[in-house]
Amino acid sequence: MTVTGVEMLADIIGEAVEELGNVPILDDVPIPHRAERRTYPFAKLDVSQCFMVECENNKHERSVRSSATRWNKNDEGKRYVVRRIEDTASTVGVWRIS
């Protein structure tokens, strides 16, 4: 008798109750807190500080820019700008400007 990937996943994570195609449906898996998902340190920046991100591809750069746009809309009174760093292939900087 062979063990399927779904059965192994059920043993590791908890109770798999049903399978839909190749995607297991699981019960009682805790949802991660949003703060644990934050990738970039926007909240830690003071005015005139920045952080740099080495982007893997254009999609990654768009993700950084999108994150800055969201923080601009949701972080009252604080503004961020993203600029590509000259003489690098894929580095962008994010500055807090207010």
N, C-alpha and C. Protein backbone atom coordinates (compact mmCIF):
# COMPACT_ATOMS: atom_id res chain seq x y z
N MET A 1 0.85 -1.18 0.00
CA MET A 1 0.00 0.00 0.00
C MET A 1 0.90 1.25 0.00
N THR A 2 0.65 2.16 -0.94
CA THR A 2 1.45 3.38 -1.03
C THR A 2 0.73 4.52 -0.33
N VAL A 3 1.50 5.46 0.18
CA VAL A 3 0.95 6.63 0.86
C VAL A 3 0.96 7.78 -0.14
N THR A 4 -0.20 8.43 -0.33
CA THR A 4 -0.27 9.56 -1.26
C THR A 4 0.22 10.82 -0.58
N GLY A 5 0.52 11.84 -1.39
CA GLY A 5 0.93 13.14 -0.86
C GLY A 5 -0.12 13.74 0.05
N VAL A 6 -1.39 13.52 -0.27
CA VAL A 6 -2.49 14.05 0.54
C VAL A 6 -2.47 13.41 1.92
N GLU A 7 -2.26 12.11 1.96
CA GLU A 7 -2.22 11.41 3.25
C GLU A 7 -1.04 11.87 4.08
N MET A 8 0.12 12.07 3.43
CA MET A 8 1.29 12.56 4.16
C MET A 8 1.04 13.96 4.70
N LEU A 9 0.41 14.83 3.88
CA LEU A 9 0.09 16.19 4.31
C LEU A 9 -0.87 16.16 5.49
N ALA A 10 -1.85 15.28 5.45
CA ALA A 10 -2.80 15.16 6.55
C ALA A 10 -2.09 14.76 7.83
N ASP A 11 -1.11 13.88 7.74
CA ASP A 11 -0.34 13.47 8.92
C ASP A 11 0.46 14.64 9.47
N ILE A 12 1.00 15.47 8.61
CA ILE A 12 1.85 16.57 9.05
C ILE A 12 1.02 17.73 9.59
N ILE A 13 0.00 18.16 8.90
CA ILE A 13 -0.75 19.36 9.26
C ILE A 13 -1.91 19.07 10.19
N GLY A 14 -2.60 18.03 9.99
CA GLY A 14 -3.78 17.75 10.80
C GLY A 14 -4.77 16.96 9.99
N GLU A 15 -6.01 17.24 10.20
CA GLU A 15 -7.07 16.44 9.61
C GLU A 15 -7.42 16.92 8.20
N ALA A 16 -7.09 16.12 7.21
CA ALA A 16 -7.55 16.38 5.85
C ALA A 16 -8.88 15.67 5.72
N VAL A 17 -9.92 16.41 5.39
CA VAL A 17 -11.24 15.79 5.40
C VAL A 17 -11.73 15.39 4.02
N GLU A 18 -11.16 15.99 3.01
CA GLU A 18 -11.68 15.69 1.69
C GLU A 18 -10.67 16.14 0.64
N GLU A 19 -10.66 15.53 -0.50
CA GLU A 19 -9.72 15.90 -1.55
C GLU A 19 -10.50 16.35 -2.77
N LEU A 20 -10.09 17.49 -3.35
CA LEU A 20 -10.70 18.03 -4.56
C LEU A 20 -9.59 18.08 -5.61
N GLY A 21 -9.61 17.14 -6.53
CA GLY A 21 -8.51 17.03 -7.48
C GLY A 21 -7.25 16.69 -6.73
N ASN A 22 -6.20 17.50 -6.90
CA ASN A 22 -4.94 17.29 -6.18
C ASN A 22 -4.78 18.25 -5.01
N VAL A 23 -5.83 19.01 -4.67
CA VAL A 23 -5.74 20.01 -3.61
C VAL A 23 -6.48 19.50 -2.38
N PRO A 24 -5.77 19.26 -1.28
CA PRO A 24 -6.45 18.77 -0.07
C PRO A 24 -7.22 19.89 0.60
N ILE A 25 -8.34 19.56 1.23
CA ILE A 25 -9.12 20.49 2.03
C ILE A 25 -8.86 20.12 3.48
N LEU A 26 -8.43 21.10 4.28
CA LEU A 26 -8.00 20.83 5.64
C LEU A 26 -8.89 21.54 6.65
N ASP A 27 -9.03 20.95 7.82
CA ASP A 27 -9.75 21.56 8.93
C ASP A 27 -8.77 22.05 9.98
N ASP A 28 -9.16 23.08 10.70
CA ASP A 28 -8.44 23.54 11.89
C ASP A 28 -6.99 23.93 11.64
N VAL A 29 -6.70 24.56 10.51
CA VAL A 29 -5.37 25.10 10.26
C VAL A 29 -5.43 26.58 10.61
N PRO A 30 -4.62 27.05 11.57
CA PRO A 30 -4.71 28.44 12.01
C PRO A 30 -4.32 29.41 10.89
N ILE A 31 -5.01 30.53 10.83
CA ILE A 31 -4.71 31.58 9.85
C ILE A 31 -3.56 32.42 10.40
N PRO A 32 -2.50 32.63 9.62
CA PRO A 32 -1.38 33.45 10.11
C PRO A 32 -1.82 34.89 10.35
N HIS A 33 -1.27 35.50 11.37
CA HIS A 33 -1.54 36.90 11.65
C HIS A 33 -0.94 37.75 10.53
N ARG A 34 -1.63 38.80 10.12
CA ARG A 34 -1.16 39.63 9.01
C ARG A 34 0.24 40.18 9.24
N ALA A 35 0.54 40.55 10.48
CA ALA A 35 1.85 41.13 10.76
C ALA A 35 2.98 40.17 10.41
N GLU A 36 2.73 38.89 10.50
CA GLU A 36 3.75 37.91 10.18
C GLU A 36 4.04 37.86 8.69
N ARG A 37 3.13 38.38 7.88
CA ARG A 37 3.28 38.32 6.44
C ARG A 37 4.01 39.53 5.88
N ARG A 38 4.22 40.56 6.67
CA ARG A 38 4.85 41.77 6.16
C ARG A 38 6.27 41.49 5.71
N THR A 39 6.57 41.95 4.52
CA THR A 39 7.87 41.68 3.94
C THR A 39 8.79 42.89 4.05
N TYR A 40 8.24 44.09 3.95
CA TYR A 40 9.04 45.30 3.88
C TYR A 40 8.83 46.14 5.14
N PRO A 41 9.87 46.82 5.64
CA PRO A 41 9.79 47.52 6.93
C PRO A 41 9.26 48.95 6.85
N PHE A 42 8.14 49.18 6.18
CA PHE A 42 7.57 50.52 6.07
C PHE A 42 7.34 51.15 7.44
N ALA A 43 6.76 50.40 8.37
CA ALA A 43 6.38 50.94 9.68
C ALA A 43 7.59 51.39 10.50
N LYS A 44 8.77 50.88 10.19
CA LYS A 44 9.97 51.22 10.96
C LYS A 44 10.70 52.45 10.43
N LEU A 45 10.32 52.92 9.25
CA LEU A 45 11.04 54.04 8.63
C LEU A 45 10.68 55.37 9.28
N ASP A 46 11.70 56.19 9.53
CA ASP A 46 11.50 57.59 9.89
C ASP A 46 11.69 58.42 8.62
N VAL A 47 11.27 59.69 8.67
CA VAL A 47 11.42 60.57 7.51
C VAL A 47 12.89 60.60 7.11
N SER A 48 13.15 60.53 5.81
CA SER A 48 14.47 60.54 5.18
C SER A 48 15.22 59.23 5.29
N GLN A 49 14.61 58.19 5.85
CA GLN A 49 15.23 56.87 5.87
C GLN A 49 14.72 56.07 4.68
N CYS A 50 15.48 55.03 4.32
CA CYS A 50 15.06 54.18 3.21
C CYS A 50 15.49 52.75 3.45
N PHE A 51 14.95 51.86 2.64
CA PHE A 51 15.44 50.49 2.58
C PHE A 51 15.56 50.11 1.12
N MET A 52 16.45 49.16 0.83
CA MET A 52 16.71 48.71 -0.53
C MET A 52 16.22 47.28 -0.70
N VAL A 53 15.71 47.00 -1.89
CA VAL A 53 15.23 45.66 -2.21
C VAL A 53 15.86 45.22 -3.52
N GLU A 54 16.51 44.07 -3.50
CA GLU A 54 17.05 43.46 -4.72
C GLU A 54 15.92 42.65 -5.34
N CYS A 55 15.36 43.15 -6.43
CA CYS A 55 14.19 42.51 -7.05
C CYS A 55 14.63 41.37 -7.96
N GLU A 56 13.92 40.27 -7.85
CA GLU A 56 14.24 39.08 -8.65
C GLU A 56 13.80 39.24 -10.10
N ASN A 57 12.72 40.01 -10.33
CA ASN A 57 12.19 40.20 -11.67
C ASN A 57 11.24 41.40 -11.65
N ASN A 58 10.62 41.71 -12.78
CA ASN A 58 9.71 42.86 -12.86
C ASN A 58 8.49 42.69 -11.95
N LYS A 59 8.02 41.46 -11.81
CA LYS A 59 6.87 41.20 -10.94
C LYS A 59 7.21 41.56 -9.50
N HIS A 60 8.41 41.22 -9.06
CA HIS A 60 8.85 41.55 -7.70
C HIS A 60 8.92 43.07 -7.52
N GLU A 61 9.45 43.77 -8.51
CA GLU A 61 9.51 45.24 -8.44
C GLU A 61 8.12 45.83 -8.35
N ARG A 62 7.19 45.32 -9.14
CA ARG A 62 5.80 45.81 -9.08
C ARG A 62 5.20 45.56 -7.71
N SER A 63 5.57 44.45 -7.08
CA SER A 63 5.09 44.15 -5.73
C SER A 63 5.57 45.19 -4.72
N VAL A 64 6.84 45.58 -4.83
CA VAL A 64 7.38 46.61 -3.94
C VAL A 64 6.64 47.92 -4.16
N ARG A 65 6.46 48.29 -5.42
CA ARG A 65 5.76 49.54 -5.74
C ARG A 65 4.31 49.51 -5.27
N SER A 66 3.66 48.38 -5.44
CA SER A 66 2.27 48.22 -4.99
C SER A 66 2.18 48.34 -3.47
N SER A 67 3.13 47.75 -2.77
CA SER A 67 3.14 47.85 -1.31
C SER A 67 3.28 49.30 -0.87
N ALA A 68 4.16 50.05 -1.53
CA ALA A 68 4.34 51.46 -1.19
C ALA A 68 3.05 52.24 -1.44
N THR A 69 2.37 51.95 -2.52
CA THR A 69 1.10 52.63 -2.83
C THR A 69 0.07 52.35 -1.74
N ARG A 70 -0.02 51.09 -1.30
CA ARG A 70 -0.96 50.74 -0.22
C ARG A 70 -0.61 51.47 1.06
N TRP A 71 0.68 51.51 1.42
CA TRP A 71 1.08 52.21 2.63
C TRP A 71 0.79 53.70 2.52
N ASN A 72 0.94 54.29 1.33
CA ASN A 72 0.61 55.71 1.14
C ASN A 72 -0.87 55.97 1.42
N LYS A 73 -1.72 55.04 1.03
CA LYS A 73 -3.16 55.21 1.22
C LYS A 73 -3.60 54.94 2.65
N ASN A 74 -2.91 54.01 3.34
CA ASN A 74 -3.39 53.53 4.63
C ASN A 74 -2.62 54.05 5.84
N ASP A 75 -1.51 54.72 5.65
CA ASP A 75 -0.68 55.18 6.77
C ASP A 75 -0.77 56.70 6.82
N GLU A 76 -1.77 57.22 7.55
CA GLU A 76 -2.09 58.65 7.55
C GLU A 76 -0.89 59.55 7.79
N GLY A 77 -0.69 60.49 6.89
CA GLY A 77 0.36 61.49 7.04
C GLY A 77 1.74 61.02 6.62
N LYS A 78 1.90 59.75 6.36
CA LYS A 78 3.21 59.24 5.94
C LYS A 78 3.18 58.96 4.45
N ARG A 79 4.26 59.36 3.77
CA ARG A 79 4.35 59.17 2.32
C ARG A 79 5.65 58.45 1.99
N TYR A 80 5.57 57.56 1.00
CA TYR A 80 6.72 56.76 0.57
C TYR A 80 6.88 56.89 -0.94
N VAL A 81 8.13 56.88 -1.39
CA VAL A 81 8.42 56.85 -2.83
C VAL A 81 9.36 55.70 -3.12
N VAL A 82 9.24 55.16 -4.32
CA VAL A 82 10.08 54.05 -4.77
C VAL A 82 10.87 54.53 -5.98
N ARG A 83 12.16 54.29 -5.98
CA ARG A 83 13.00 54.66 -7.12
C ARG A 83 13.93 53.49 -7.44
N ARG A 84 14.14 53.29 -8.73
CA ARG A 84 15.13 52.31 -9.17
C ARG A 84 16.51 52.91 -8.94
N ILE A 85 17.43 52.10 -8.45
CA ILE A 85 18.78 52.58 -8.13
C ILE A 85 19.64 52.50 -9.39
N GLU A 86 20.26 53.63 -9.73
CA GLU A 86 21.12 53.69 -10.92
C GLU A 86 22.29 52.73 -10.80
N ASP A 87 22.77 52.28 -11.91
CA ASP A 87 23.94 51.40 -12.00
C ASP A 87 23.73 50.04 -11.34
N THR A 88 22.48 49.66 -11.14
CA THR A 88 22.17 48.30 -10.68
C THR A 88 21.17 47.69 -11.65
N ALA A 89 21.18 46.40 -11.72
CA ALA A 89 20.27 45.72 -12.64
C ALA A 89 18.85 45.67 -12.10
N SER A 90 18.71 45.50 -10.78
CA SER A 90 17.35 45.24 -10.29
C SER A 90 17.11 45.72 -8.86
N THR A 91 17.83 46.73 -8.39
CA THR A 91 17.63 47.20 -7.03
C THR A 91 16.73 48.44 -7.03
N VAL A 92 15.76 48.45 -6.11
CA VAL A 92 14.92 49.63 -5.90
C VAL A 92 15.07 50.07 -4.47
N GLY A 93 14.92 51.37 -4.25
CA GLY A 93 14.94 51.94 -2.91
C GLY A 93 13.57 52.48 -2.58
N VAL A 94 13.19 52.39 -1.31
CA VAL A 94 11.92 52.94 -0.83
C VAL A 94 12.26 53.95 0.26
N TRP A 95 11.85 55.21 0.05
CA TRP A 95 12.12 56.29 1.00
C TRP A 95 10.83 56.75 1.65
N ARG A 96 10.90 57.08 2.93
CA ARG A 96 9.80 57.76 3.58
C ARG A 96 10.08 59.25 3.46
N ILE A 97 9.14 60.00 2.84
CA ILE A 97 9.38 61.41 2.58
C ILE A 97 8.56 62.33 3.49
N SER A 98 7.59 61.79 4.21
CA SER A 98 6.86 62.61 5.20
C SER A 98 6.22 61.72 6.23
